C-alpha atoms as a PDB file:
ATOM      1  CA  MET A   1     152.408  58.861 110.767  1.00  0.00           C
ATOM      2  CA  GLU A   2     150.894  61.000 113.417  1.00  0.00           C
ATOM      3  CA  LYS A   3     153.063  61.871 116.564  1.00  0.00           C
ATOM      4  CA  ALA A   4     152.817  63.378 119.787  1.00  0.00           C
ATOM      5  CA  LYS A   5     152.944  66.987 119.859  1.00  0.00           C
ATOM      6  CA  THR A   6     154.072  69.797 122.269  1.00  0.00           C
ATOM      7  CA  ARG A   7     151.421  72.639 123.413  1.00  0.00           C
ATOM      8  CA  GLN A   8     153.635  74.997 121.440  1.00  0.00           C
ATOM      9  CA  GLU A   9     153.292  73.166 118.250  1.00  0.00           C
ATOM     10  CA  MET A  10     149.303  73.036 118.711  1.00  0.00           C
ATOM     11  CA  ALA A  11     149.168  76.904 119.653  1.00  0.00           C
ATOM     12  CA  ASP A  12     151.046  77.690 116.592  1.00  0.00           C
ATOM     13  CA  GLU A  13     148.574  75.549 114.383  1.00  0.00           C
ATOM     14  CA  TYR A  14     145.940  77.805 115.918  1.00  0.00           C
ATOM     15  CA  GLY A  15     147.950  80.872 115.503  1.00  0.00           C
ATOM     16  CA  TYR A  16     148.055  81.274 119.297  1.00  0.00           C
ATOM     17  CA  HIS A  17     150.564  82.211 121.714  1.00  0.00           C
ATOM     18  CA  ARG A  18     151.116  79.171 124.093  1.00  0.00           C
ATOM     19  CA  ASN A  19     149.655  81.102 127.081  1.00  0.00           C
ATOM     20  CA  THR A  20     146.591  82.210 124.992  1.00  0.00           C
ATOM     21  CA  PHE A  21     146.221  78.378 124.043  1.00  0.00           C
ATOM     22  CA  ALA A  22     146.522  77.350 127.635  1.00  0.00           C
ATOM     23  CA  LYS A  23     143.611  79.823 128.215  1.00  0.00           C
ATOM     24  CA  VAL A  24     141.464  78.734 125.167  1.00  0.00           C
ATOM     25  CA  LEU A  25     141.544  75.215 126.495  1.00  0.00           C
ATOM     26  CA  LYS A  26     140.782  75.986 130.075  1.00  0.00           C
ATOM     27  CA  ASP A  27     137.861  77.931 128.658  1.00  0.00           C
ATOM     28  CA  ASN A  28     136.665  74.979 126.723  1.00  0.00           C
ATOM     29  CA  ASN A  29     136.712  72.444 129.664  1.00  0.00           C
ATOM     30  CA  ILE A  30     139.802  70.671 127.928  1.00  0.00           C
ATOM     31  CA  THR A  31     141.786  69.052 130.428  1.00  0.00           C
ATOM     32  CA  LEU A  32     145.256  67.490 129.440  1.00  0.00           C
ATOM     33  CA  THR A  33     147.895  65.275 130.979  1.00  0.00           C
ATOM     34  CA  PRO A  34     151.143  66.834 131.524  1.00  0.00           C
ATOM     35  CA  GLY A  35     153.993  66.484 128.885  1.00  0.00           C
ATOM     36  CA  LEU A  36     153.236  66.020 125.210  1.00  0.00           C
ATOM     37  CA  LEU A  37     149.964  65.777 123.803  1.00  0.00           C
ATOM     38  CA  THR A  38     148.824  62.263 122.784  1.00  0.00           C
ATOM     39  CA  LEU A  39     146.855  61.537 119.526  1.00  0.00           C
ATOM     40  CA  LYS A  40     143.970  61.025 121.759  1.00  0.00           C
ATOM     41  CA  GLU A  41     144.458  64.594 123.235  1.00  0.00           C
ATOM     42  CA  GLN A  42     144.980  66.126 120.150  1.00  0.00           C
ATOM     43  CA  GLU A  43     141.709  64.656 118.545  1.00  0.00           C
ATOM     44  CA  LEU A  44     140.006  66.008 121.665  1.00  0.00           C
ATOM     45  CA  ILE A  45     141.349  69.487 121.016  1.00  0.00           C
ATOM     46  CA  TYR A  46     140.350  69.319 117.195  1.00  0.00           C
ATOM     47  CA  GLU A  47     136.848  67.937 118.185  1.00  0.00           C
ATOM     48  CA  LYS A  48     136.348  70.851 120.685  1.00  0.00           C
ATOM     49  CA  LEU A  49     138.024  73.747 118.730  1.00  0.00           C
ATOM     50  CA  GLY A  50     137.632  72.653 115.093  1.00  0.00           C
ATOM     51  CA  ARG A  51     140.699  71.816 112.794  1.00  0.00           C
ATOM     52  CA  PRO A  52     142.655  74.810 112.527  1.00  0.00           C
ATOM     53  CA  TYR A  53     142.665  76.612 109.191  1.00  0.00           C
ATOM     54  CA  TYR A  54     145.576  78.787 109.957  1.00  0.00           C
ATOM     55  CA  LYS A  55     149.011  77.943 110.312  1.00  0.00           C
ATOM     56  CA  ARG A  56     151.547  80.209 111.665  1.00  0.00           C
ATOM     57  CA  ARG A  57     154.805  80.312 109.638  1.00  0.00           C
ATOM     58  CA  SER A  58     157.950  79.552 111.793  1.00  0.00           C
ATOM     59  CA  ASN A  59     160.629  81.878 111.686  1.00  0.00           C
ATOM     60  CA  LYS A  60     162.514  79.699 109.380  1.00  0.00           C
ATOM     61  CA  GLN A  61     159.732  79.912 106.726  1.00  0.00           C
ATOM     62  CA  LYS A  62     159.345  83.534 106.840  1.00  0.00           C
ATOM     63  CA  LYS A  63     160.416  85.021 103.797  1.00  0.00           C
ATOM     64  CA  THR A  64     163.186  87.624 104.007  1.00  0.00           C
ATOM     65  CA  THR A  65     163.542  90.785 101.945  1.00  0.00           C
ATOM     66  CA  SER A  66     166.940  91.661 100.105  1.00  0.00           C
ATOM     67  CA  GLU A  67     167.718  95.064  99.058  1.00  0.00           C
END
């Protein structure tokens, strides 16, 4: 089941810093309500920006090198 997402989660999906993501939203005339992004708002973002093909790994997922 889909859920509401934070702006940080959406920015991570696109590989942007959250401030850059906010600028991208503004440049694309995407106005959102404060708080979590609803499913409807997420779909609006996907519609205007396209589905992200890049998903940044979180720090927990990054491989560590051992010597």
